Structure formats: structure tokens, C-alpha cells
Amino acid sequence: MRVHHGDELFTGEVLHRDSEVRVIALISPIEGVPSGPHPRGIPTGQRREKAIPQDIPTPPTTPEDALAIVRSRYAEPTPADGSPAPMHVEEFDIGYLVYTEYPDTTDASGEPQPAPPGGSKIVVAKDTGETVTVPNFPTETAIALYRQQRPPQA
């Protein structure tokens, strides 16, 4: 996933606001790559019991449901060549980790290029359908970070 402004990769802050101009997400892309974690889709950052109902998706019950929630909220990721990037979903006890794996790239002479820095993965909570971005760490590390930063559930 990359954030663009015109034809350029964006670095800065992106605010998403609801109809009452309340901030519902703050994303800080670096060279177009969202940096997280950032709660999305919950007005004023409140948990489910205080959120506007239409902003809460139906909690996912399958990996396909989680993928549909992510596709409805985030831009479709594409590699540099513009083709669709495959999305992967890893289920764990309290959520689904959704991420893209980009193919290896080479320069004009065929030399392998390093992967771009940064990136993020998205966790969809099983109990609420809330989405949160986490850094593009290995799967188990990203899940562990989500567990550490997830507020206690009532």
C-alpha cells in the first residue's frame, strides 16, 4: 500500500475525518508507506460501545470476511509495474493479519533490488471488525505487537 499526492510518494500526515470533522484516523506515511499502528473506522478513537454504528463493520468470521473489510477501507496494493499484488491472510485467536508480499524486483541490468523500507500489515479484530495497521514485521512479531498495543477488552 502506498500513499500518493499527485504522482509522488507522500511523506507527512494524513487525517481521516468523519462527517462531524472528528479525526478517525491519523496515518503517517514515509515515502508513501503507511506507518502504524493507527486505529481506523472508529470515530474519536472510542471503542465499539461509543462508536457510530455505520462505521463498525460486521465482525469477520472467516479470512475472506477480513480480506473484504481491508479491501473496503484501504487502497488496493500494487507493485511498481502496476499489477495487482496478492493479499495474504493469517488467522490467529483474536484477529486476522492481512498483508501483501511484493515480488522481488531487479534494475534495468537485471541486478536484484532491495525491498523498499517500511510498509505495514493490517490486523482485523475478530470481535469488532476494527482495523489497525502494524509495521511490516514478520508475521509472529506483527501479531505480538498488536497484542501488546491492543487496549484491554471489557
C-alpha atoms as a PDB file:
ATOM      1  CA  MET A   1       0.000   0.000   0.000  1.00  0.00           C
ATOM      2  CA  ARG A   2       1.379   3.383  -0.974  1.00  0.00           C
ATOM      3  CA  VAL A   3       0.054   6.886  -0.391  1.00  0.00           C
ATOM      4  CA  HIS A   4       0.488   9.278  -3.311  1.00  0.00           C
ATOM      5  CA  HIS A   5      -0.007  13.001  -3.746  1.00  0.00           C
ATOM      6  CA  GLY A   6      -0.322  13.543  -7.465  1.00  0.00           C
ATOM      7  CA  ASP A   7       2.360  11.332  -8.998  1.00  0.00           C
ATOM      8  CA  GLU A   8       4.717  11.480  -5.996  1.00  0.00           C
ATOM      9  CA  LEU A   9       5.013   9.183  -2.976  1.00  0.00           C
ATOM     10  CA  PHE A  10       3.759  11.106   0.059  1.00  0.00           C
ATOM     11  CA  THR A  11       5.586  11.746   3.335  1.00  0.00           C
ATOM     12  CA  GLY A  12       3.671  13.565   6.064  1.00  0.00           C
ATOM     13  CA  GLU A  13       0.420  13.070   7.947  1.00  0.00           C
ATOM     14  CA  VAL A  14      -2.962  12.072   6.563  1.00  0.00           C
ATOM     15  CA  LEU A  15      -6.031  12.756   8.663  1.00  0.00           C
ATOM     16  CA  HIS A  16      -9.295  10.950   8.022  1.00  0.00           C
ATOM     17  CA  ARG A  17     -12.304  12.762   9.465  1.00  0.00           C
ATOM     18  CA  ASP A  18     -15.937  11.796   9.871  1.00  0.00           C
ATOM     19  CA  SER A  19     -18.898  13.952   8.799  1.00  0.00           C
ATOM     20  CA  GLU A  20     -18.640  15.935  12.053  1.00  0.00           C
ATOM     21  CA  VAL A  21     -14.942  16.658  11.323  1.00  0.00           C
ATOM     22  CA  ARG A  22     -13.696  14.405  14.138  1.00  0.00           C
ATOM     23  CA  VAL A  23     -10.403  12.657  13.454  1.00  0.00           C
ATOM     24  CA  ILE A  24     -10.997   8.941  12.958  1.00  0.00           C
ATOM     25  CA  ALA A  25      -7.511   8.011  11.736  1.00  0.00           C
ATOM     26  CA  LEU A  26      -4.068   9.528  11.563  1.00  0.00           C
ATOM     27  CA  ILE A  27      -1.630   7.907   9.180  1.00  0.00           C
ATOM     28  CA  SER A  28       1.985   8.995   8.871  1.00  0.00           C
ATOM     29  CA  PRO A  29       3.328   7.730   5.538  1.00  0.00           C
ATOM     30  CA  ILE A  30       7.060   7.754   4.894  1.00  0.00           C
ATOM     31  CA  GLU A  31       7.823   7.694   1.176  1.00  0.00           C
ATOM     32  CA  GLY A  32       4.246   6.570   0.575  1.00  0.00           C
ATOM     33  CA  VAL A  33       4.320   3.675   3.044  1.00  0.00           C
ATOM     34  CA  PRO A  34       1.816   3.993   5.922  1.00  0.00           C
ATOM     35  CA  SER A  35       3.445   3.690   9.329  1.00  0.00           C
ATOM     36  CA  GLY A  36       1.362   2.352  12.227  1.00  0.00           C
ATOM     37  CA  PRO A  37      -0.353   1.294  14.336  1.00  0.00           C
ATOM     38  CA  HIS A  38      -3.342   3.535  13.728  1.00  0.00           C
ATOM     39  CA  PRO A  39      -6.952   2.652  14.667  1.00  0.00           C
ATOM     40  CA  ARG A  40      -9.288   3.145  11.707  1.00  0.00           C
ATOM     41  CA  GLY A  41     -13.024   3.421  11.314  1.00  0.00           C
ATOM     42  CA  ILE A  42     -13.869   4.261  14.923  1.00  0.00           C
ATOM     43  CA  PRO A  43     -14.867   7.937  15.389  1.00  0.00           C
ATOM     44  CA  THR A  44     -12.883   9.772  18.087  1.00  0.00           C
ATOM     45  CA  GLY A  45     -10.956   6.559  18.819  1.00  0.00           C
ATOM     46  CA  GLN A  46     -13.687   5.294  21.134  1.00  0.00           C
ATOM     47  CA  ARG A  47     -14.311   1.592  21.387  1.00  0.00           C
ATOM     48  CA  ARG A  48     -17.362  -0.084  19.891  1.00  0.00           C
ATOM     49  CA  GLU A  49     -19.884   0.877  22.578  1.00  0.00           C
ATOM     50  CA  LYS A  50     -19.333   4.602  21.836  1.00  0.00           C
ATOM     51  CA  ALA A  51     -18.849   4.493  18.083  1.00  0.00           C
ATOM     52  CA  ILE A  52     -21.308   5.417  15.363  1.00  0.00           C
ATOM     53  CA  PRO A  53     -22.898   2.096  14.256  1.00  0.00           C
ATOM     54  CA  GLN A  54     -22.459   2.579  10.484  1.00  0.00           C
ATOM     55  CA  ASP A  55     -18.692   2.937  10.996  1.00  0.00           C
ATOM     56  CA  ILE A  56     -18.429  -0.519  12.575  1.00  0.00           C
ATOM     57  CA  PRO A  57     -18.216  -3.395  10.098  1.00  0.00           C
ATOM     58  CA  THR A  58     -19.743  -6.744  10.870  1.00  0.00           C
ATOM     59  CA  PRO A  59     -17.028  -8.638  12.734  1.00  0.00           C
ATOM     60  CA  PRO A  60     -15.297 -11.117  10.435  1.00  0.00           C
ATOM     61  CA  THR A  61     -15.835 -14.850  10.883  1.00  0.00           C
ATOM     62  CA  THR A  62     -13.579 -16.042   8.057  1.00  0.00           C
ATOM     63  CA  PRO A  63     -10.322 -14.936   6.438  1.00  0.00           C
ATOM     64  CA  GLU A  64     -12.377 -13.939   3.385  1.00  0.00           C
ATOM     65  CA  ASP A  65     -14.505 -11.597   5.561  1.00  0.00           C
ATOM     66  CA  ALA A  66     -11.328  -9.987   6.955  1.00  0.00           C
ATOM     67  CA  LEU A  67      -9.941  -9.502   3.458  1.00  0.00           C
ATOM     68  CA  ALA A  68     -13.223  -7.901   2.329  1.00  0.00           C
ATOM     69  CA  ILE A  69     -13.065  -5.441   5.259  1.00  0.00           C
ATOM     70  CA  VAL A  70      -9.480  -4.482   4.370  1.00  0.00           C
ATOM     71  CA  ARG A  71     -10.335  -4.053   0.684  1.00  0.00           C
ATOM     72  CA  SER A  72     -13.278  -1.811   1.617  1.00  0.00           C
ATOM     73  CA  ARG A  73     -11.080   0.507   3.725  1.00  0.00           C
ATOM     74  CA  TYR A  74      -7.672   0.591   2.064  1.00  0.00           C
ATOM     75  CA  ALA A  75      -6.348   1.148  -1.438  1.00  0.00           C
ATOM     76  CA  GLU A  76      -5.528  -1.985  -3.403  1.00  0.00           C
ATOM     77  CA  PRO A  77      -1.748  -2.510  -3.194  1.00  0.00           C
ATOM     78  CA  THR A  78       0.201  -2.577  -6.445  1.00  0.00           C
ATOM     79  CA  PRO A  79       3.877  -3.178  -7.190  1.00  0.00           C
ATOM     80  CA  ALA A  80       5.853  -0.707  -9.296  1.00  0.00           C
ATOM     81  CA  ASP A  81       4.644  -2.334 -12.532  1.00  0.00           C
ATOM     82  CA  GLY A  82       1.005  -1.537 -11.623  1.00  0.00           C
ATOM     83  CA  SER A  83      -0.203  -5.151 -11.488  1.00  0.00           C
ATOM     84  CA  PRO A  84      -2.366  -6.280  -8.545  1.00  0.00           C
ATOM     85  CA  ALA A  85      -0.363  -7.551  -5.575  1.00  0.00           C
ATOM     86  CA  PRO A  86      -1.517 -10.800  -3.954  1.00  0.00           C
ATOM     87  CA  MET A  87      -3.024 -10.392  -0.476  1.00  0.00           C
ATOM     88  CA  HIS A  88      -2.421 -12.954   2.280  1.00  0.00           C
ATOM     89  CA  VAL A  89      -4.445 -13.530   5.457  1.00  0.00           C
ATOM     90  CA  GLU A  90      -3.104 -15.212   8.608  1.00  0.00           C
ATOM     91  CA  GLU A  91      -5.768 -16.081  11.196  1.00  0.00           C
ATOM     92  CA  PHE A  92      -4.909 -16.019  14.901  1.00  0.00           C
ATOM     93  CA  ASP A  93      -7.032 -16.281  18.038  1.00  0.00           C
ATOM     94  CA  ILE A  94      -8.161 -12.627  18.253  1.00  0.00           C
ATOM     95  CA  GLY A  95      -7.806 -11.420  14.685  1.00  0.00           C
ATOM     96  CA  TYR A  96      -6.637 -11.719  11.122  1.00  0.00           C
ATOM     97  CA  LEU A  97      -3.326 -10.343   9.851  1.00  0.00           C
ATOM     98  CA  VAL A  98      -3.677  -9.137   6.245  1.00  0.00           C
ATOM     99  CA  TYR A  99      -0.627  -8.287   4.191  1.00  0.00           C
ATOM    100  CA  THR A 100       0.893  -8.133   0.732  1.00  0.00           C
ATOM    101  CA  GLU A 101       4.089  -9.770  -0.407  1.00  0.00           C
ATOM    102  CA  TYR A 102       5.645  -7.913  -3.287  1.00  0.00           C
ATOM    103  CA  PRO A 103       7.695  -9.825  -5.850  1.00  0.00           C
ATOM    104  CA  ASP A 104      11.457  -9.376  -5.945  1.00  0.00           C
ATOM    105  CA  THR A 105      12.490  -6.582  -8.312  1.00  0.00           C
ATOM    106  CA  THR A 106      15.529  -6.021 -10.493  1.00  0.00           C
ATOM    107  CA  ASP A 107      17.019  -2.938 -12.093  1.00  0.00           C
ATOM    108  CA  ALA A 108      17.463  -2.463 -15.874  1.00  0.00           C
ATOM    109  CA  SER A 109      20.644  -4.575 -15.844  1.00  0.00           C
ATOM    110  CA  GLY A 110      18.889  -7.431 -14.023  1.00  0.00           C
ATOM    111  CA  GLU A 111      20.528  -6.820 -10.645  1.00  0.00           C
ATOM    112  CA  PRO A 112      18.256  -7.649  -7.683  1.00  0.00           C
ATOM    113  CA  GLN A 113      16.966  -4.590  -5.827  1.00  0.00           C
ATOM    114  CA  PRO A 114      16.403  -4.445  -2.074  1.00  0.00           C
ATOM    115  CA  ALA A 115      12.838  -4.293  -0.830  1.00  0.00           C
ATOM    116  CA  PRO A 116      11.653  -0.752  -0.094  1.00  0.00           C
ATOM    117  CA  PRO A 117      11.883   0.160   3.593  1.00  0.00           C
ATOM    118  CA  GLY A 118       8.862   0.366   5.841  1.00  0.00           C
ATOM    119  CA  GLY A 119       5.421  -0.836   4.934  1.00  0.00           C
ATOM    120  CA  SER A 120       2.621  -2.132   7.069  1.00  0.00           C
ATOM    121  CA  LYS A 121       0.320  -5.039   7.680  1.00  0.00           C
ATOM    122  CA  ILE A 122      -3.294  -4.741   8.780  1.00  0.00           C
ATOM    123  CA  VAL A 123      -4.953  -6.540  11.685  1.00  0.00           C
ATOM    124  CA  VAL A 124      -8.727  -7.018  11.627  1.00  0.00           C
ATOM    125  CA  ALA A 125     -10.098  -7.706  15.130  1.00  0.00           C
ATOM    126  CA  LYS A 126     -12.375 -10.748  15.290  1.00  0.00           C
ATOM    127  CA  ASP A 127     -14.597  -9.245  17.973  1.00  0.00           C
ATOM    128  CA  THR A 128     -15.235  -5.810  16.432  1.00  0.00           C
ATOM    129  CA  GLY A 129     -14.022  -5.725  12.838  1.00  0.00           C
ATOM    130  CA  GLU A 130     -11.795  -2.761  13.743  1.00  0.00           C
ATOM    131  CA  THR A 131      -8.670  -2.445  11.594  1.00  0.00           C
ATOM    132  CA  VAL A 132      -5.260  -1.407  12.868  1.00  0.00           C
ATOM    133  CA  THR A 133      -2.013  -1.103  10.928  1.00  0.00           C
ATOM    134  CA  VAL A 134       1.155  -2.604  12.348  1.00  0.00           C
ATOM    135  CA  PRO A 135       4.698  -2.388  10.932  1.00  0.00           C
ATOM    136  CA  ASN A 136       5.704  -4.801   8.201  1.00  0.00           C
ATOM    137  CA  PHE A 137       7.405  -7.179  10.629  1.00  0.00           C
ATOM    138  CA  PRO A 138       7.443 -10.968  10.298  1.00  0.00           C
ATOM    139  CA  THR A 139       4.002 -12.464  10.968  1.00  0.00           C
ATOM    140  CA  GLU A 140       4.536 -13.594  14.570  1.00  0.00           C
ATOM    141  CA  THR A 141       6.253 -10.323  15.521  1.00  0.00           C
ATOM    142  CA  ALA A 142       3.441  -8.232  13.988  1.00  0.00           C
ATOM    143  CA  ILE A 143       0.822 -10.274  15.878  1.00  0.00           C
ATOM    144  CA  ALA A 144       2.780  -9.922  19.145  1.00  0.00           C
ATOM    145  CA  LEU A 145       2.987  -6.134  18.653  1.00  0.00           C
ATOM    146  CA  TYR A 146      -0.780  -5.985  18.053  1.00  0.00           C
ATOM    147  CA  ARG A 147      -1.390  -7.916  21.285  1.00  0.00           C
ATOM    148  CA  GLN A 148       0.878  -5.507  23.234  1.00  0.00           C
ATOM    149  CA  GLN A 149      -0.794  -2.375  21.884  1.00  0.00           C
ATOM    150  CA  ARG A 150      -4.404  -3.563  21.868  1.00  0.00           C
ATOM    151  CA  PRO A 151      -6.425  -1.946  24.643  1.00  0.00           C
ATOM    152  CA  PRO A 152      -7.887  -4.345  27.230  1.00  0.00           C
ATOM    153  CA  GLN A 153     -11.310  -5.576  26.192  1.00  0.00           C
ATOM    154  CA  ALA A 154     -14.248  -5.059  28.542  1.00  0.00           C
END
